[in-house]
Amino acid sequence: MRIARNFIILFILFFSSCDSWLQDIGLKDIKRIDGPCTILLVDGTVIETPHSLEVTIRTEAITYRDENGKLWSLFREEYESYSCQ
């Protein structure tokens, strides 16, 4: 029982430290980018957020929180670019 528990702990620690590897093989589809961030929309509007972004690797959709903590999502065709500090 103790060996199994230790194995599970090591397994979790190993895979939690392998984010890029999990992304490469398609098991992790979300990339988190620390903020503050700026998003440039297709219409020229600039969105600034003090929070982090989450980008879906497969669809390139962005999820972010505004200054009030409200959650928003943008699809790839809605934004031109984004940058974070």
Protein backbone atom coordinates (compact mmCIF):
# COMPACT_ATOMS: atom_id res chain seq x y z
CA MET A 1 0.00 0.00 0.00
CA ARG A 2 2.78 2.40 0.90
CA ILE A 3 4.69 1.60 -2.29
CA ALA A 4 1.59 2.25 -4.40
CA ARG A 5 1.01 5.59 -2.70
CA ASN A 6 4.63 6.64 -3.24
CA PHE A 7 4.42 5.58 -6.88
CA ILE A 8 1.27 7.64 -7.41
CA ILE A 9 2.88 10.70 -5.81
CA LEU A 10 5.99 10.35 -7.98
CA PHE A 11 3.83 9.81 -11.07
CA ILE A 12 1.85 13.01 -10.39
CA LEU A 13 4.99 15.03 -9.69
CA PHE A 14 6.66 13.75 -12.85
CA PHE A 15 3.76 14.57 -15.14
CA SER A 16 3.01 17.93 -13.54
CA SER A 17 6.56 19.00 -14.40
CA CYS A 18 6.22 17.91 -18.03
CA ASP A 19 3.83 20.54 -19.35
CA SER A 20 5.55 21.01 -22.69
CA TRP A 21 5.81 17.25 -23.20
CA LEU A 22 2.12 16.80 -22.43
CA GLN A 23 1.32 19.57 -24.92
CA ASP A 24 3.52 17.93 -27.56
CA ILE A 25 1.66 14.64 -27.38
CA GLY A 26 -1.75 16.33 -27.22
CA LEU A 27 -2.70 15.54 -23.62
CA LYS A 28 -2.65 19.17 -22.51
CA ASP A 29 -4.46 21.69 -24.68
CA ILE A 30 -4.27 24.84 -22.53
CA LYS A 31 -1.29 27.19 -22.36
CA ARG A 32 -1.33 29.67 -19.46
CA ILE A 33 0.51 32.96 -19.95
CA ASP A 34 1.12 35.18 -16.92
CA GLY A 35 -0.20 38.74 -17.11
CA PRO A 36 -0.64 41.60 -17.36
CA CYS A 37 -1.62 41.13 -21.00
CA THR A 38 -2.78 43.16 -23.98
CA ILE A 39 -5.06 41.77 -26.69
CA LEU A 40 -5.49 43.52 -30.05
CA LEU A 41 -8.88 42.81 -31.61
CA VAL A 42 -9.52 42.65 -35.37
CA ASP A 43 -11.47 45.94 -35.25
CA GLY A 44 -8.48 47.74 -33.65
CA THR A 45 -9.82 47.73 -30.09
CA VAL A 46 -7.20 47.04 -27.42
CA ILE A 47 -8.10 44.99 -24.35
CA GLU A 48 -5.80 45.18 -21.34
CA THR A 49 -6.07 42.73 -18.47
CA PRO A 50 -4.01 42.59 -15.28
CA HIS A 51 -4.61 38.83 -15.14
CA SER A 52 -3.18 35.85 -17.00
CA LEU A 53 -4.44 34.47 -20.30
CA GLU A 54 -5.31 30.89 -21.11
CA VAL A 55 -4.88 29.97 -24.76
CA THR A 56 -6.35 26.78 -26.20
CA ILE A 57 -3.55 25.36 -28.33
CA ARG A 58 -5.78 23.54 -30.81
CA THR A 59 -8.29 26.34 -31.52
CA GLU A 60 -6.17 29.34 -30.37
CA ALA A 61 -9.15 30.69 -28.38
CA ILE A 62 -8.18 33.07 -25.56
CA THR A 63 -9.84 33.12 -22.15
CA TYR A 64 -9.14 36.07 -19.85
CA ARG A 65 -10.58 37.97 -16.89
CA ASP A 66 -11.34 41.67 -16.97
CA GLU A 67 -10.58 44.15 -14.17
CA ASN A 68 -13.78 43.09 -12.36
CA GLY A 69 -12.89 39.39 -12.53
CA LYS A 70 -15.50 38.58 -15.19
CA LEU A 71 -14.46 35.73 -17.50
CA TRP A 72 -14.34 36.36 -21.26
CA SER A 73 -13.42 34.26 -24.30
CA LEU A 74 -12.26 35.30 -27.75
CA PHE A 75 -12.07 33.04 -30.78
CA ARG A 76 -9.08 33.25 -33.14
CA GLU A 77 -11.00 35.20 -35.79
CA GLU A 78 -11.89 37.88 -33.20
CA TYR A 79 -8.34 38.93 -32.27
CA GLU A 80 -5.23 39.85 -34.21
CA SER A 81 -2.55 39.35 -31.57
CA TYR A 82 -1.80 39.27 -27.85
CA SER A 83 1.22 39.99 -25.70
CA CYS A 84 1.99 39.53 -22.02
CA GLN A 85 4.73 40.93 -19.83
